[in-house]
Amino acid sequence: MTNKELLYIEDALGHENFMKSCCKDTANMLKDVSLSTYISQLEEKHNEIFNKFLNLL
C-alpha cells in the first residue's frame, strides 16, 4: 500500500470516528425516541464503515 493510500485511509478513519461521536452525542440529546433510535442506527452504520477501513490495514 502506498503512502498516499495510507493517508487516505487515516483521513477516512478520522471522519468516520467523528461521525460516530456526533451521532452518539446527538442521539443522547434527543427527546424524540424514534429520531434518537434512527440516529443510533446511523452511529452503528458509521461504526461498520470505520471497521471496514480499519480492516484494510
Protein backbone atom coordinates (compact mmCIF):
# COMPACT_ATOMS: atom_id res chain seq x y z
CA MET A 1 0.00 0.00 0.00
CA THR A 2 1.36 3.40 -0.93
CA ASN A 3 1.87 6.28 1.46
CA LYS A 4 -0.91 8.22 -0.28
CA GLU A 5 -3.35 5.32 0.20
CA LEU A 6 -2.43 5.07 3.88
CA LEU A 7 -3.05 8.79 4.30
CA TYR A 8 -6.45 8.40 2.65
CA ILE A 9 -7.41 5.56 5.00
CA GLU A 10 -6.18 7.54 8.01
CA ASP A 11 -8.28 10.50 6.91
CA ALA A 12 -11.34 8.31 6.33
CA LEU A 13 -10.93 6.72 9.77
CA GLY A 14 -10.84 10.18 11.32
CA HIS A 15 -14.01 11.22 9.51
CA GLU A 16 -15.87 8.07 10.49
CA ASN A 17 -14.75 8.40 14.10
CA PHE A 18 -16.01 11.99 14.11
CA MET A 19 -19.36 10.93 12.65
CA LYS A 20 -19.73 8.16 15.25
CA SER A 21 -19.16 10.60 18.10
CA CYS A 22 -21.53 13.19 16.59
CA CYS A 23 -24.26 10.59 16.19
CA LYS A 24 -23.77 9.30 19.72
CA ASP A 25 -23.90 12.79 21.24
CA THR A 26 -26.94 13.76 19.18
CA ALA A 27 -28.85 10.56 19.99
CA ASN A 28 -28.25 11.17 23.70
CA MET A 29 -29.57 14.74 23.49
CA LEU A 30 -32.74 13.99 21.53
CA LYS A 31 -36.03 13.61 23.36
CA ASP A 32 -37.90 12.10 20.39
CA VAL A 33 -37.43 8.35 20.82
CA SER A 34 -37.88 7.42 17.16
CA LEU A 35 -35.43 10.07 15.98
CA SER A 36 -32.95 9.07 18.65
CA THR A 37 -33.24 5.44 17.55
CA TYR A 38 -32.62 6.43 13.93
CA ILE A 39 -29.51 8.44 14.86
CA SER A 40 -28.26 5.47 16.90
CA GLN A 41 -28.65 3.31 13.79
CA LEU A 42 -26.57 5.84 11.87
CA GLU A 43 -23.92 5.57 14.57
CA GLU A 44 -23.83 1.79 14.06
CA LYS A 45 -23.51 2.28 10.29
CA HIS A 46 -20.55 4.63 10.77
CA ASN A 47 -19.02 2.11 13.16
CA GLU A 48 -19.30 -0.58 10.47
CA ILE A 49 -17.66 1.69 7.90
CA PHE A 50 -14.92 2.57 10.41
CA ASN A 51 -14.21 -1.12 10.96
CA LYS A 52 -14.10 -1.80 7.21
CA PHE A 53 -11.47 0.91 6.75
CA LEU A 54 -9.56 -0.38 9.76
CA ASN A 55 -9.50 -3.88 8.28
CA LEU A 56 -7.74 -2.53 5.20
CA LEU A 57 -4.69 -2.00 7.35
